[in-house]
Amino acid sequence: MKHRFEDACALGLLCFISLLSPVQAQTAATPTRTTGPYTYHLSEEVTLSGTVSSVLPHSTAGMIMGSHLLLATATGPVDASLGRFALMGKGALPVAAGQQVEVTGVMKTIKANHVFLVRTVKAGGTVYPIRNQHGFAISPQGRQRTSQKMTQKSESL
C-alpha cells in the first residue's frame, strides 16, 4: 500500500512538471521588447533637419495630445510631437515659424497618422531635452532639476 501511494505521488509530480515545461519554453521565446504605437526605443531614433512651419501649443483634431511643431523637411512635412511640457515653464523650447531646427526622435503611426515623437530639439545651437530615453515627456520641474545638476557638475570640474 505504501509503495502505491509513493508511486501515485511521483506520477502526479511528473505530470505537474510536464505541464510546466511548455509554459517555460513559451515564456523564454517571448521577446522582452514591447512594441506598439507609444513605445519608444533609442535604437529606432533618427535625426531630422527642417524649417518650422508652425508651432502649435495645443493639439488640433486628429493629433495626439500636447504641443507640436510642423516641420518642412527635405522628404516632406513632419508632425513633430513635443508632448505636454516642451513649451511651458522655465527652460521652455524657444522656437518660432521659419526657424531651422534638428529634431531627434522616433517616427510612429498613431491613430492612422504619422507622428514624430521628439526626444531632443536642437535650435540656435542649444539642445533642449523634450523626452527622456524611455519616451516620457520631461516636465518643467524635471528640466530645472536637470539644469541644476549640470550646473553643479560643471562647477565641480
C-alpha atoms as a PDB file:
ATOM      1  CA  MET A   1       0.000   0.000   0.000  1.00  0.00           C
ATOM      2  CA  LYS A   2       2.827   2.372   0.903  1.00  0.00           C
ATOM      3  CA  HIS A   3       4.520   1.842  -2.491  1.00  0.00           C
ATOM      4  CA  ARG A   4       1.318   2.571  -4.387  1.00  0.00           C
ATOM      5  CA  PHE A   5       0.944   5.926  -2.594  1.00  0.00           C
ATOM      6  CA  GLU A   6       4.581   6.864  -3.354  1.00  0.00           C
ATOM      7  CA  ASP A   7       4.142   5.796  -6.976  1.00  0.00           C
ATOM      8  CA  ALA A   8       0.964   7.897  -7.293  1.00  0.00           C
ATOM      9  CA  CYS A   9       2.713  10.944  -5.793  1.00  0.00           C
ATOM     10  CA  ALA A  10       5.683  10.537  -8.125  1.00  0.00           C
ATOM     11  CA  LEU A  11       3.372  10.165 -11.114  1.00  0.00           C
ATOM     12  CA  GLY A  12       1.397  13.254 -10.058  1.00  0.00           C
ATOM     13  CA  LEU A  13       4.585  15.271  -9.657  1.00  0.00           C
ATOM     14  CA  LEU A  14       5.826  14.122 -13.060  1.00  0.00           C
ATOM     15  CA  CYS A  15       2.529  15.181 -14.695  1.00  0.00           C
ATOM     16  CA  PHE A  16       2.714  18.580 -12.997  1.00  0.00           C
ATOM     17  CA  ILE A  17       6.295  19.163 -14.189  1.00  0.00           C
ATOM     18  CA  SER A  18       5.410  18.142 -17.742  1.00  0.00           C
ATOM     19  CA  LEU A  19       2.663  20.786 -17.757  1.00  0.00           C
ATOM     20  CA  LEU A  20       5.119  23.489 -16.679  1.00  0.00           C
ATOM     21  CA  SER A  21       7.726  22.787 -19.355  1.00  0.00           C
ATOM     22  CA  PRO A  22       5.706  24.197 -22.324  1.00  0.00           C
ATOM     23  CA  VAL A  23       4.869  27.326 -20.322  1.00  0.00           C
ATOM     24  CA  GLN A  24       8.542  27.943 -19.531  1.00  0.00           C
ATOM     25  CA  ALA A  25       9.525  27.343 -23.152  1.00  0.00           C
ATOM     26  CA  GLN A  26       6.866  29.778 -24.344  1.00  0.00           C
ATOM     27  CA  THR A  27       7.982  32.411 -21.841  1.00  0.00           C
ATOM     28  CA  ALA A  28      11.604  32.068 -22.942  1.00  0.00           C
ATOM     29  CA  ALA A  29      10.600  32.501 -26.589  1.00  0.00           C
ATOM     30  CA  THR A  30       8.556  35.645 -25.905  1.00  0.00           C
ATOM     31  CA  PRO A  31      10.567  38.779 -26.755  1.00  0.00           C
ATOM     32  CA  THR A  32      11.182  41.172 -23.877  1.00  0.00           C
ATOM     33  CA  ARG A  33      10.894  44.208 -26.140  1.00  0.00           C
ATOM     34  CA  THR A  34       7.395  45.578 -26.372  1.00  0.00           C
ATOM     35  CA  THR A  35       6.049  47.159 -29.493  1.00  0.00           C
ATOM     36  CA  GLY A  36       3.173  49.474 -30.154  1.00  0.00           C
ATOM     37  CA  PRO A  37       2.346  52.999 -31.163  1.00  0.00           C
ATOM     38  CA  TYR A  38       3.520  54.588 -27.910  1.00  0.00           C
ATOM     39  CA  THR A  39       6.665  52.536 -27.242  1.00  0.00           C
ATOM     40  CA  TYR A  40       9.953  54.374 -27.528  1.00  0.00           C
ATOM     41  CA  HIS A  41      13.250  52.647 -28.304  1.00  0.00           C
ATOM     42  CA  LEU A  42      16.542  54.512 -28.628  1.00  0.00           C
ATOM     43  CA  SER A  43      17.640  52.019 -31.286  1.00  0.00           C
ATOM     44  CA  GLU A  44      14.907  53.398 -33.604  1.00  0.00           C
ATOM     45  CA  GLU A  45      15.925  57.051 -33.226  1.00  0.00           C
ATOM     46  CA  VAL A  46      16.683  59.257 -36.202  1.00  0.00           C
ATOM     47  CA  THR A  47      17.575  62.934 -36.545  1.00  0.00           C
ATOM     48  CA  LEU A  48      15.669  65.177 -38.949  1.00  0.00           C
ATOM     49  CA  SER A  49      16.538  68.707 -40.047  1.00  0.00           C
ATOM     50  CA  GLY A  50      13.907  71.139 -41.159  1.00  0.00           C
ATOM     51  CA  THR A  51      12.265  74.515 -41.009  1.00  0.00           C
ATOM     52  CA  VAL A  52       9.489  75.152 -38.524  1.00  0.00           C
ATOM     53  CA  SER A  53       6.272  75.832 -40.479  1.00  0.00           C
ATOM     54  CA  SER A  54       4.057  76.203 -37.404  1.00  0.00           C
ATOM     55  CA  VAL A  55       4.278  75.986 -33.640  1.00  0.00           C
ATOM     56  CA  LEU A  56       1.102  74.521 -32.158  1.00  0.00           C
ATOM     57  CA  PRO A  57       0.941  74.989 -28.371  1.00  0.00           C
ATOM     58  CA  HIS A  58      -2.084  72.655 -28.252  1.00  0.00           C
ATOM     59  CA  SER A  59      -3.050  69.727 -30.429  1.00  0.00           C
ATOM     60  CA  THR A  60      -5.800  70.065 -33.017  1.00  0.00           C
ATOM     61  CA  ALA A  61      -8.335  67.466 -34.176  1.00  0.00           C
ATOM     62  CA  GLY A  62      -6.695  64.197 -35.193  1.00  0.00           C
ATOM     63  CA  MET A  63      -3.393  64.878 -33.377  1.00  0.00           C
ATOM     64  CA  ILE A  64      -2.096  63.237 -30.233  1.00  0.00           C
ATOM     65  CA  MET A  65      -2.246  65.370 -27.085  1.00  0.00           C
ATOM     66  CA  GLY A  66       0.317  68.073 -26.427  1.00  0.00           C
ATOM     67  CA  SER A  67       2.214  70.689 -28.381  1.00  0.00           C
ATOM     68  CA  HIS A  68       3.558  70.102 -31.878  1.00  0.00           C
ATOM     69  CA  LEU A  69       5.999  71.540 -34.386  1.00  0.00           C
ATOM     70  CA  LEU A  70       5.027  71.248 -38.019  1.00  0.00           C
ATOM     71  CA  LEU A  71       8.290  70.897 -39.928  1.00  0.00           C
ATOM     72  CA  ALA A  72       9.160  71.245 -43.586  1.00  0.00           C
ATOM     73  CA  THR A  73      11.917  68.689 -44.286  1.00  0.00           C
ATOM     74  CA  ALA A  74      13.670  67.569 -47.459  1.00  0.00           C
ATOM     75  CA  THR A  75      11.413  64.493 -47.564  1.00  0.00           C
ATOM     76  CA  GLY A  76       8.165  66.356 -46.864  1.00  0.00           C
ATOM     77  CA  PRO A  77       6.134  67.718 -43.943  1.00  0.00           C
ATOM     78  CA  VAL A  78       6.537  66.174 -40.484  1.00  0.00           C
ATOM     79  CA  ASP A  79       4.269  66.433 -37.435  1.00  0.00           C
ATOM     80  CA  ALA A  80       6.754  66.570 -34.545  1.00  0.00           C
ATOM     81  CA  SER A  81       5.066  65.860 -31.212  1.00  0.00           C
ATOM     82  CA  LEU A  82       6.616  67.708 -28.271  1.00  0.00           C
ATOM     83  CA  GLY A  83       4.321  66.396 -25.533  1.00  0.00           C
ATOM     84  CA  ARG A  84       2.624  68.494 -22.872  1.00  0.00           C
ATOM     85  CA  PHE A  85       5.552  70.362 -21.327  1.00  0.00           C
ATOM     86  CA  ALA A  86       8.014  71.461 -24.020  1.00  0.00           C
ATOM     87  CA  LEU A  87       6.565  74.957 -24.432  1.00  0.00           C
ATOM     88  CA  MET A  88       5.810  75.502 -20.730  1.00  0.00           C
ATOM     89  CA  GLY A  89       7.727  76.906 -17.763  1.00  0.00           C
ATOM     90  CA  LYS A  90      11.328  77.829 -17.216  1.00  0.00           C
ATOM     91  CA  GLY A  91      13.614  76.439 -19.914  1.00  0.00           C
ATOM     92  CA  ALA A  92      10.739  76.115 -22.389  1.00  0.00           C
ATOM     93  CA  LEU A  93      11.643  75.497 -26.019  1.00  0.00           C
ATOM     94  CA  PRO A  94      12.006  78.907 -27.749  1.00  0.00           C
ATOM     95  CA  VAL A  95      11.052  78.206 -31.375  1.00  0.00           C
ATOM     96  CA  ALA A  96       9.196  80.202 -33.990  1.00  0.00           C
ATOM     97  CA  ALA A  97       7.969  79.683 -37.530  1.00  0.00           C
ATOM     98  CA  GLY A  98      10.807  79.988 -40.066  1.00  0.00           C
ATOM     99  CA  GLN A  99      13.479  78.739 -37.661  1.00  0.00           C
ATOM    100  CA  GLN A 100      15.853  75.913 -38.638  1.00  0.00           C
ATOM    101  CA  VAL A 101      15.861  73.016 -36.151  1.00  0.00           C
ATOM    102  CA  GLU A 102      17.158  69.474 -35.752  1.00  0.00           C
ATOM    103  CA  VAL A 103      14.848  67.021 -34.004  1.00  0.00           C
ATOM    104  CA  THR A 104      15.868  63.612 -32.716  1.00  0.00           C
ATOM    105  CA  GLY A 105      13.217  61.015 -32.004  1.00  0.00           C
ATOM    106  CA  VAL A 106      11.183  58.103 -33.297  1.00  0.00           C
ATOM    107  CA  MET A 107       8.596  58.036 -36.096  1.00  0.00           C
ATOM    108  CA  LYS A 108       5.357  56.259 -35.098  1.00  0.00           C
ATOM    109  CA  THR A 109       1.936  55.652 -36.622  1.00  0.00           C
ATOM    110  CA  ILE A 110      -0.736  56.609 -34.110  1.00  0.00           C
ATOM    111  CA  LYS A 111      -4.431  56.655 -34.972  1.00  0.00           C
ATOM    112  CA  ALA A 112      -3.521  56.179 -38.677  1.00  0.00           C
ATOM    113  CA  ASN A 113      -1.330  59.329 -38.619  1.00  0.00           C
ATOM    114  CA  HIS A 114       2.445  59.513 -38.848  1.00  0.00           C
ATOM    115  CA  VAL A 115       3.887  61.423 -35.916  1.00  0.00           C
ATOM    116  CA  PHE A 116       7.495  62.023 -34.909  1.00  0.00           C
ATOM    117  CA  LEU A 117       7.919  61.622 -31.121  1.00  0.00           C
ATOM    118  CA  VAL A 118      10.641  64.156 -30.349  1.00  0.00           C
ATOM    119  CA  ARG A 119      13.238  63.408 -27.660  1.00  0.00           C
ATOM    120  CA  THR A 120      15.507  66.423 -28.271  1.00  0.00           C
ATOM    121  CA  VAL A 121      15.336  69.627 -30.289  1.00  0.00           C
ATOM    122  CA  LYS A 122      18.466  71.488 -31.368  1.00  0.00           C
ATOM    123  CA  ALA A 123      17.622  75.131 -32.035  1.00  0.00           C
ATOM    124  CA  GLY A 124      20.067  78.025 -32.246  1.00  0.00           C
ATOM    125  CA  GLY A 125      22.982  75.807 -31.207  1.00  0.00           C
ATOM    126  CA  THR A 126      21.285  74.658 -27.975  1.00  0.00           C
ATOM    127  CA  VAL A 127      19.887  71.173 -27.381  1.00  0.00           C
ATOM    128  CA  TYR A 128      16.582  71.081 -25.500  1.00  0.00           C
ATOM    129  CA  PRO A 129      15.521  67.790 -23.883  1.00  0.00           C
ATOM    130  CA  ILE A 130      11.842  67.044 -24.537  1.00  0.00           C
ATOM    131  CA  ARG A 131      11.542  63.380 -23.519  1.00  0.00           C
ATOM    132  CA  ASN A 132      13.789  61.029 -21.572  1.00  0.00           C
ATOM    133  CA  GLN A 133      15.392  57.926 -23.101  1.00  0.00           C
ATOM    134  CA  HIS A 134      12.177  55.970 -22.433  1.00  0.00           C
ATOM    135  CA  GLY A 135       9.997  58.465 -24.312  1.00  0.00           C
ATOM    136  CA  PHE A 136       8.375  60.131 -21.298  1.00  0.00           C
ATOM    137  CA  ALA A 137       7.895  63.895 -21.500  1.00  0.00           C
ATOM    138  CA  ILE A 138      10.174  65.925 -19.237  1.00  0.00           C
ATOM    139  CA  SER A 139       8.242  68.379 -17.066  1.00  0.00           C
ATOM    140  CA  PRO A 140       9.418  71.955 -16.386  1.00  0.00           C
ATOM    141  CA  GLN A 141      10.431  70.817 -12.879  1.00  0.00           C
ATOM    142  CA  GLY A 142      12.428  67.950 -14.404  1.00  0.00           C
ATOM    143  CA  ARG A 143      14.193  70.381 -16.758  1.00  0.00           C
ATOM    144  CA  GLN A 144      15.044  72.600 -13.811  1.00  0.00           C
ATOM    145  CA  ARG A 145      16.478  69.671 -11.808  1.00  0.00           C
ATOM    146  CA  THR A 146      18.499  68.526 -14.830  1.00  0.00           C
ATOM    147  CA  SER A 147      19.913  72.015 -15.434  1.00  0.00           C
ATOM    148  CA  GLN A 148      20.820  72.350 -11.729  1.00  0.00           C
ATOM    149  CA  LYS A 149      22.664  69.012 -11.839  1.00  0.00           C
ATOM    150  CA  MET A 150      24.513  70.068 -14.986  1.00  0.00           C
ATOM    151  CA  THR A 151      25.491  73.390 -13.395  1.00  0.00           C
ATOM    152  CA  GLN A 152      26.750  71.608 -10.270  1.00  0.00           C
ATOM    153  CA  LYS A 153      28.814  69.176 -12.381  1.00  0.00           C
ATOM    154  CA  SER A 154      30.430  71.961 -14.402  1.00  0.00           C
ATOM    155  CA  GLU A 155      31.221  73.946 -11.241  1.00  0.00           C
ATOM    156  CA  SER A 156      32.902  70.917  -9.630  1.00  0.00           C
ATOM    157  CA  LEU A 157      35.217  70.415 -12.642  1.00  0.00           C
END
